Structure formats: C-alpha cells, structure tokens
Amino acid sequence: MEFKTINVDEKGNEHYVSDYQLYTKSLILSLVKDGKEVKCKNLDKIWEYAGNKQRFIDYVKSGVADLLKEAE
C-alpha cells in the first residue's frame, strides 16, 4: 500500500482531473497490478464525513478493505 499526494495544478498532473473526473480535492483508491491500474474508486463521501472523525476513518477503512479484497 502506498499513499501519494498529487497536486493537479502542477505541470504533468493535469490528466488526473479527467482520468478520475475530479472537481474538488479527493481521495482516490487505485488498485495497481503489474504496474497498471486495474481498478479505482473515488471516495466521494469524505467531505460528508469530514466533521465526524470516526465515520471518516470507518469510511476510508471500508474502502481500502474492499479494494484489498479485490487485490487477492
């Protein structure tokens, strides 16, 4: 598992906006196998849960767990 912060305003990163249909700051989970992305998920409810630390953590944990199951 790897965490990356990407600034889409930086030169060369603009493609992430269209690749993931971004319209605001987002948390994207990406499953990569053999160097290629095979699945991605935008955890679009992070802003709904931003004011509730436990719900936020549970939401992110659930999203990561779901993606890891698919990686097996």
PDB file of N, CA and C in Angstrom:
ATOM      1  N   MET A   1       0.852  -1.159   0.000  1.00  0.00           N
ATOM      2  CA  MET A   1       0.000   0.000   0.000  1.00  0.00           C
ATOM      3  C   MET A   1       0.902   1.228   0.000  1.00  0.00           C
ATOM      4  N   GLU A   2       0.499   2.213  -0.768  1.00  0.00           N
ATOM      5  CA  GLU A   2       1.276   3.437  -0.919  1.00  0.00           C
ATOM      6  C   GLU A   2       0.333   4.629  -0.892  1.00  0.00           C
ATOM      7  N   PHE A   3       0.744   5.690  -0.226  1.00  0.00           N
ATOM      8  CA  PHE A   3      -0.041   6.918  -0.178  1.00  0.00           C
ATOM      9  C   PHE A   3       0.687   7.991  -0.969  1.00  0.00           C
ATOM     10  N   LYS A   4      -0.024   8.625  -1.885  1.00  0.00           N
ATOM     11  CA  LYS A   4       0.570   9.698  -2.689  1.00  0.00           C
ATOM     12  C   LYS A   4      -0.327  10.921  -2.628  1.00  0.00           C
ATOM     13  N   THR A   5       0.297  12.065  -2.483  1.00  0.00           N
ATOM     14  CA  THR A   5      -0.414  13.329  -2.586  1.00  0.00           C
ATOM     15  C   THR A   5      -0.040  13.923  -3.936  1.00  0.00           C
ATOM     16  N   ILE A   6      -1.049  14.276  -4.714  1.00  0.00           N
ATOM     17  CA  ILE A   6      -0.795  14.801  -6.058  1.00  0.00           C
ATOM     18  C   ILE A   6      -1.485  16.139  -6.218  1.00  0.00           C
ATOM     19  N   ASN A   7      -0.720  17.133  -6.635  1.00  0.00           N
ATOM     20  CA  ASN A   7      -1.258  18.457  -6.906  1.00  0.00           C
ATOM     21  C   ASN A   7      -1.584  18.519  -8.399  1.00  0.00           C
ATOM     22  N   VAL A   8      -2.870  18.545  -8.721  1.00  0.00           N
ATOM     23  CA  VAL A   8      -3.277  18.533 -10.130  1.00  0.00           C
ATOM     24  C   VAL A   8      -2.994  19.856 -10.827  1.00  0.00           C
ATOM     25  N   ASP A   9      -2.612  20.867 -10.072  1.00  0.00           N
ATOM     26  CA  ASP A   9      -2.251  22.151 -10.669  1.00  0.00           C
ATOM     27  C   ASP A   9      -0.810  22.161 -11.183  1.00  0.00           C
ATOM     28  N   GLU A  10      -0.025  21.173 -10.786  1.00  0.00           N
ATOM     29  CA  GLU A  10       1.363  21.108 -11.242  1.00  0.00           C
ATOM     30  C   GLU A  10       1.430  20.534 -12.656  1.00  0.00           C
ATOM     31  N   LYS A  11       2.374  21.054 -13.417  1.00  0.00           N
ATOM     32  CA  LYS A  11       2.565  20.615 -14.795  1.00  0.00           C
ATOM     33  C   LYS A  11       2.792  19.099 -14.832  1.00  0.00           C
ATOM     34  N   GLY A  12       2.083  18.434 -15.714  1.00  0.00           N
ATOM     35  CA  GLY A  12       2.204  16.993 -15.873  1.00  0.00           C
ATOM     36  C   GLY A  12       1.158  16.204 -15.093  1.00  0.00           C
ATOM     37  N   ASN A  13       0.479  16.856 -14.158  1.00  0.00           N
ATOM     38  CA  ASN A  13      -0.529  16.165 -13.348  1.00  0.00           C
ATOM     39  C   ASN A  13      -1.956  16.491 -13.768  1.00  0.00           C
ATOM     40  N   GLU A  14      -2.116  17.307 -14.777  1.00  0.00           N
ATOM     41  CA  GLU A  14      -3.448  17.748 -15.194  1.00  0.00           C
ATOM     42  C   GLU A  14      -4.350  16.582 -15.592  1.00  0.00           C
ATOM     43  N   HIS A  15      -3.761  15.531 -16.105  1.00  0.00           N
ATOM     44  CA  HIS A  15      -4.545  14.393 -16.599  1.00  0.00           C
ATOM     45  C   HIS A  15      -5.362  13.717 -15.492  1.00  0.00           C
ATOM     46  N   TYR A  16      -4.944  13.863 -14.244  1.00  0.00           N
ATOM     47  CA  TYR A  16      -5.697  13.237 -13.142  1.00  0.00           C
ATOM     48  C   TYR A  16      -7.121  13.787 -13.050  1.00  0.00           C
ATOM     49  N   VAL A  17      -7.306  15.048 -13.409  1.00  0.00           N
ATOM     50  CA  VAL A  17      -8.641  15.654 -13.355  1.00  0.00           C
ATOM     51  C   VAL A  17      -9.587  14.907 -14.283  1.00  0.00           C
ATOM     52  N   SER A  18      -9.152  14.634 -15.497  1.00  0.00           N
ATOM     53  CA  SER A  18     -10.017  13.906 -16.430  1.00  0.00           C
ATOM     54  C   SER A  18     -10.002  12.400 -16.164  1.00  0.00           C
ATOM     55  N   ASP A  19      -8.852  11.863 -15.792  1.00  0.00           N
ATOM     56  CA  ASP A  19      -8.758  10.420 -15.525  1.00  0.00           C
ATOM     57  C   ASP A  19      -9.750   9.988 -14.447  1.00  0.00           C
ATOM     58  N   TYR A  20      -9.876  10.808 -13.403  1.00  0.00           N
ATOM     59  CA  TYR A  20     -10.717  10.454 -12.258  1.00  0.00           C
ATOM     60  C   TYR A  20     -11.946  11.353 -12.123  1.00  0.00           C
ATOM     61  N   GLN A  21     -12.184  12.180 -13.131  1.00  0.00           N
ATOM     62  CA  GLN A  21     -13.340  13.081 -13.148  1.00  0.00           C
ATOM     63  C   GLN A  21     -13.414  13.901 -11.857  1.00  0.00           C
ATOM     64  N   LEU A  22     -12.304  14.558 -11.525  1.00  0.00           N
ATOM     65  CA  LEU A  22     -12.205  15.324 -10.290  1.00  0.00           C
ATOM     66  C   LEU A  22     -12.799  16.712 -10.458  1.00  0.00           C
ATOM     67  N   TYR A  23     -13.436  17.191  -9.414  1.00  0.00           N
ATOM     68  CA  TYR A  23     -13.968  18.550  -9.401  1.00  0.00           C
ATOM     69  C   TYR A  23     -13.590  19.278  -8.120  1.00  0.00           C
ATOM     70  N   THR A  24     -13.021  18.556  -7.168  1.00  0.00           N
ATOM     71  CA  THR A  24     -12.554  19.134  -5.915  1.00  0.00           C
ATOM     72  C   THR A  24     -11.483  18.215  -5.352  1.00  0.00           C
ATOM     73  N   LYS A  25     -10.930  18.569  -4.198  1.00  0.00           N
ATOM     74  CA  LYS A  25      -9.959  17.694  -3.549  1.00  0.00           C
ATOM     75  C   LYS A  25     -10.632  16.357  -3.292  1.00  0.00           C
ATOM     76  N   SER A  26      -9.898  15.283  -3.552  1.00  0.00           N
ATOM     77  CA  SER A  26     -10.497  13.963  -3.499  1.00  0.00           C
ATOM     78  C   SER A  26      -9.544  12.942  -2.916  1.00  0.00           C
ATOM     79  N   LEU A  27     -10.126  11.821  -2.528  1.00  0.00           N
ATOM     80  CA  LEU A  27      -9.350  10.660  -2.108  1.00  0.00           C
ATOM     81  C   LEU A  27      -9.675   9.543  -3.085  1.00  0.00           C
ATOM     82  N   ILE A  28      -8.675   9.182  -3.878  1.00  0.00           N
ATOM     83  CA  ILE A  28      -8.826   8.147  -4.892  1.00  0.00           C
ATOM     84  C   ILE A  28      -8.080   6.903  -4.428  1.00  0.00           C
ATOM     85  N   LEU A  29      -8.755   5.769  -4.447  1.00  0.00           N
ATOM     86  CA  LEU A  29      -8.099   4.491  -4.200  1.00  0.00           C
ATOM     87  C   LEU A  29      -7.837   3.861  -5.554  1.00  0.00           C
ATOM     88  N   SER A  30      -6.638   3.346  -5.718  1.00  0.00           N
ATOM     89  CA  SER A  30      -6.246   2.794  -7.005  1.00  0.00           C
ATOM     90  C   SER A  30      -5.604   1.431  -6.799  1.00  0.00           C
ATOM     91  N   LEU A  31      -6.124   0.420  -7.481  1.00  0.00           N
ATOM     92  CA  LEU A  31      -5.563  -0.925  -7.434  1.00  0.00           C
ATOM     93  C   LEU A  31      -4.667  -1.100  -8.655  1.00  0.00           C
ATOM     94  N   VAL A  32      -3.400  -1.330  -8.396  1.00  0.00           N
ATOM     95  CA  VAL A  32      -2.413  -1.458  -9.468  1.00  0.00           C
ATOM     96  C   VAL A  32      -1.832  -2.862  -9.437  1.00  0.00           C
ATOM     97  N   LYS A  33      -1.859  -3.528 -10.572  1.00  0.00           N
ATOM     98  CA  LYS A  33      -1.254  -4.853 -10.718  1.00  0.00           C
ATOM     99  C   LYS A  33      -0.309  -4.818 -11.903  1.00  0.00           C
ATOM    100  N   ASP A  34       0.880  -5.326 -11.688  1.00  0.00           N
ATOM    101  CA  ASP A  34       1.902  -5.371 -12.741  1.00  0.00           C
ATOM    102  C   ASP A  34       2.127  -3.998 -13.364  1.00  0.00           C
ATOM    103  N   GLY A  35       2.081  -2.949 -12.525  1.00  0.00           N
ATOM    104  CA  GLY A  35       2.359  -1.598 -12.989  1.00  0.00           C
ATOM    105  C   GLY A  35       1.217  -0.908 -13.697  1.00  0.00           C
ATOM    106  N   LYS A  36       0.046  -1.563 -13.761  1.00  0.00           N
ATOM    107  CA  LYS A  36      -1.100  -0.966 -14.445  1.00  0.00           C
ATOM    108  C   LYS A  36      -2.293  -0.883 -13.497  1.00  0.00           C
ATOM    109  N   GLU A  37      -2.983   0.228 -13.562  1.00  0.00           N
ATOM    110  CA  GLU A  37      -4.174   0.388 -12.752  1.00  0.00           C
ATOM    111  C   GLU A  37      -5.280  -0.498 -13.309  1.00  0.00           C
ATOM    112  N   VAL A  38      -5.842  -1.342 -12.444  1.00  0.00           N
ATOM    113  CA  VAL A  38      -6.910  -2.229 -12.881  1.00  0.00           C
ATOM    114  C   VAL A  38      -8.264  -1.815 -12.314  1.00  0.00           C
ATOM    115  N   LYS A  39      -8.252  -0.997 -11.265  1.00  0.00           N
ATOM    116  CA  LYS A  39      -9.499  -0.507 -10.689  1.00  0.00           C
ATOM    117  C   LYS A  39      -9.203   0.732  -9.865  1.00  0.00           C
ATOM    118  N   CYS A  40     -10.185   1.632  -9.844  1.00  0.00           N
ATOM    119  CA  CYS A  40     -10.053   2.803  -8.995  1.00  0.00           C
ATOM    120  C   CYS A  40     -11.417   3.136  -8.408  1.00  0.00           C
ATOM    121  N   LYS A  41     -11.361   3.841  -7.287  1.00  0.00           N
ATOM    122  CA  LYS A  41     -12.596   4.261  -6.635  1.00  0.00           C
ATOM    123  C   LYS A  41     -12.367   5.620  -6.003  1.00  0.00           C
ATOM    124  N   ASN A  42     -13.272   6.533  -6.279  1.00  0.00           N
ATOM    125  CA  ASN A  42     -13.236   7.858  -5.677  1.00  0.00           C
ATOM    126  C   ASN A  42     -14.076   7.797  -4.405  1.00  0.00           C
ATOM    127  N   LEU A  43     -13.444   7.994  -3.265  1.00  0.00           N
ATOM    128  CA  LEU A  43     -14.184   8.013  -2.004  1.00  0.00           C
ATOM    129  C   LEU A  43     -14.823   9.394  -1.868  1.00  0.00           C
ATOM    130  N   ASP A  44     -15.903   9.568  -2.596  1.00  0.00           N
ATOM    131  CA  ASP A  44     -16.521  10.883  -2.744  1.00  0.00           C
ATOM    132  C   ASP A  44     -17.295  11.361  -1.518  1.00  0.00           C
ATOM    133  N   LYS A  45     -17.475  10.512  -0.522  1.00  0.00           N
ATOM    134  CA  LYS A  45     -18.207  10.930   0.668  1.00  0.00           C
ATOM    135  C   LYS A  45     -17.294  11.446   1.786  1.00  0.00           C
ATOM    136  N   ILE A  46     -15.992  11.578   1.488  1.00  0.00           N
ATOM    137  CA  ILE A  46     -15.079  12.028   2.545  1.00  0.00           C
ATOM    138  C   ILE A  46     -15.478  13.387   3.096  1.00  0.00           C
ATOM    139  N   TRP A  47     -16.037  14.238   2.261  1.00  0.00           N
ATOM    140  CA  TRP A  47     -16.410  15.578   2.736  1.00  0.00           C
ATOM    141  C   TRP A  47     -17.671  15.529   3.584  1.00  0.00           C
ATOM    142  N   GLU A  48     -18.539  14.552   3.353  1.00  0.00           N
ATOM    143  CA  GLU A  48     -19.722  14.383   4.204  1.00  0.00           C
ATOM    144  C   GLU A  48     -19.315  13.964   5.610  1.00  0.00           C
ATOM    145  N   TYR A  49     -18.235  13.200   5.711  1.00  0.00           N
ATOM    146  CA  TYR A  49     -17.796  12.668   6.992  1.00  0.00           C
ATOM    147  C   TYR A  49     -16.651  13.457   7.614  1.00  0.00           C
ATOM    148  N   ALA A  50     -16.217  14.517   6.979  1.00  0.00           N
ATOM    149  CA  ALA A  50     -15.073  15.283   7.464  1.00  0.00           C
ATOM    150  C   ALA A  50     -15.281  15.814   8.883  1.00  0.00           C
ATOM    151  N   GLY A  51     -16.499  16.097   9.262  1.00  0.00           N
ATOM    152  CA  GLY A  51     -16.782  16.623  10.594  1.00  0.00           C
ATOM    153  C   GLY A  51     -16.955  15.549  11.653  1.00  0.00           C
ATOM    154  N   ASN A  52     -16.903  14.282  11.245  1.00  0.00           N
ATOM    155  CA  ASN A  52     -17.081  13.172  12.178  1.00  0.00           C
ATOM    156  C   ASN A  52     -15.902  12.220  12.003  1.00  0.00           C
ATOM    157  N   LYS A  53     -14.915  12.374  12.869  1.00  0.00           N
ATOM    158  CA  LYS A  53     -13.659  11.651  12.715  1.00  0.00           C
ATOM    159  C   LYS A  53     -13.866  10.135  12.592  1.00  0.00           C
ATOM    160  N   GLN A  54     -14.690   9.550  13.456  1.00  0.00           N
ATOM    161  CA  GLN A  54     -14.863   8.100  13.430  1.00  0.00           C
ATOM    162  C   GLN A  54     -15.549   7.623  12.155  1.00  0.00           C
ATOM    163  N   ARG A  55     -16.582   8.334  11.704  1.00  0.00           N
ATOM    164  CA  ARG A  55     -17.254   7.948  10.450  1.00  0.00           C
ATOM    165  C   ARG A  55     -16.292   8.074   9.266  1.00  0.00           C
ATOM    166  N   PHE A  56     -15.470   9.127   9.284  1.00  0.00           N
ATOM    167  CA  PHE A  56     -14.475   9.342   8.236  1.00  0.00           C
ATOM    168  C   PHE A  56     -13.502   8.157   8.198  1.00  0.00           C
ATOM    169  N   ILE A  57     -12.952   7.808   9.359  1.00  0.00           N
ATOM    170  CA  ILE A  57     -11.993   6.702   9.438  1.00  0.00           C
ATOM    171  C   ILE A  57     -12.642   5.400   8.993  1.00  0.00           C
ATOM    172  N   ASP A  58     -13.851   5.144   9.467  1.00  0.00           N
ATOM    173  CA  ASP A  58     -14.555   3.916   9.087  1.00  0.00           C
ATOM    174  C   ASP A  58     -14.802   3.856   7.586  1.00  0.00           C
ATOM    175  N   TYR A  59     -15.169   4.987   6.997  1.00  0.00           N
ATOM    176  CA  TYR A  59     -15.434   5.049   5.554  1.00  0.00           C
ATOM    177  C   TYR A  59     -14.169   4.744   4.752  1.00  0.00           C
ATOM    178  N   VAL A  60     -13.061   5.352   5.147  1.00  0.00           N
ATOM    179  CA  VAL A  60     -11.805   5.124   4.430  1.00  0.00           C
ATOM    180  C   VAL A  60     -11.341   3.681   4.630  1.00  0.00           C
ATOM    181  N   LYS A  61     -11.406   3.177   5.858  1.00  0.00           N
ATOM    182  CA  LYS A  61     -11.009   1.797   6.130  1.00  0.00           C
ATOM    183  C   LYS A  61     -11.832   0.818   5.291  1.00  0.00           C
ATOM    184  N   SER A  62     -13.117   1.043   5.211  1.00  0.00           N
ATOM    185  CA  SER A  62     -14.001   0.178   4.445  1.00  0.00           C
ATOM    186  C   SER A  62     -13.636   0.195   2.968  1.00  0.00           C
ATOM    187  N   GLY A  63     -13.389   1.375   2.427  1.00  0.00           N
ATOM    188  CA  GLY A  63     -12.997   1.489   1.018  1.00  0.00           C
ATOM    189  C   GLY A  63     -11.685   0.787   0.723  1.00  0.00           C
ATOM    190  N   VAL A  64     -10.720   0.954   1.607  1.00  0.00           N
ATOM    191  CA  VAL A  64      -9.417   0.300   1.434  1.00  0.00           C
ATOM    192  C   VAL A  64      -9.573  -1.223   1.551  1.00  0.00           C
ATOM    193  N   ALA A  65     -10.333  -1.675   2.545  1.00  0.00           N
ATOM    194  CA  ALA A  65     -10.537  -3.119   2.731  1.00  0.00           C
ATOM    195  C   ALA A  65     -11.204  -3.739   1.500  1.00  0.00           C
ATOM    196  N   ASP A  66     -12.199  -3.070   0.960  1.00  0.00           N
ATOM    197  CA  ASP A  66     -12.885  -3.579  -0.241  1.00  0.00           C
ATOM    198  C   ASP A  66     -11.908  -3.722  -1.407  1.00  0.00           C
ATOM    199  N   LEU A  67     -11.072  -2.723  -1.585  1.00  0.00           N
ATOM    200  CA  LEU A  67     -10.121  -2.762  -2.699  1.00  0.00           C
ATOM    201  C   LEU A  67      -9.056  -3.842  -2.466  1.00  0.00           C
ATOM    202  N   LEU A  68      -8.609  -3.997  -1.228  1.00  0.00           N
ATOM    203  CA  LEU A  68      -7.613  -5.020  -0.920  1.00  0.00           C
ATOM    204  C   LEU A  68      -8.167  -6.429  -1.155  1.00  0.00           C
ATOM    205  N   LYS A  69      -9.446  -6.630  -0.888  1.00  0.00           N
ATOM    206  CA  LYS A  69     -10.067  -7.928  -1.165  1.00  0.00           C
ATOM    207  C   LYS A  69      -9.962  -8.268  -2.643  1.00  0.00           C
ATOM    208  N   GLU A  70     -10.128  -7.265  -3.483  1.00  0.00           N
ATOM    209  CA  GLU A  70     -10.054  -7.491  -4.922  1.00  0.00           C
ATOM    210  C   GLU A  70      -8.621  -7.746  -5.381  1.00  0.00           C
ATOM    211  N   ALA A  71      -7.658  -7.322  -4.575  1.00  0.00           N
ATOM    212  CA  ALA A  71      -6.260  -7.494  -4.948  1.00  0.00           C
ATOM    213  C   ALA A  71      -5.785  -8.923  -4.693  1.00  0.00           C
ATOM    214  N   GLU A  72      -6.513  -9.664  -3.871  1.00  0.00           N
ATOM    215  CA  GLU A  72      -6.102 -11.030  -3.531  1.00  0.00           C
ATOM    216  C   GLU A  72      -6.226 -11.984  -4.688  1.00  0.00           C
TER     217      GLU A  72
END
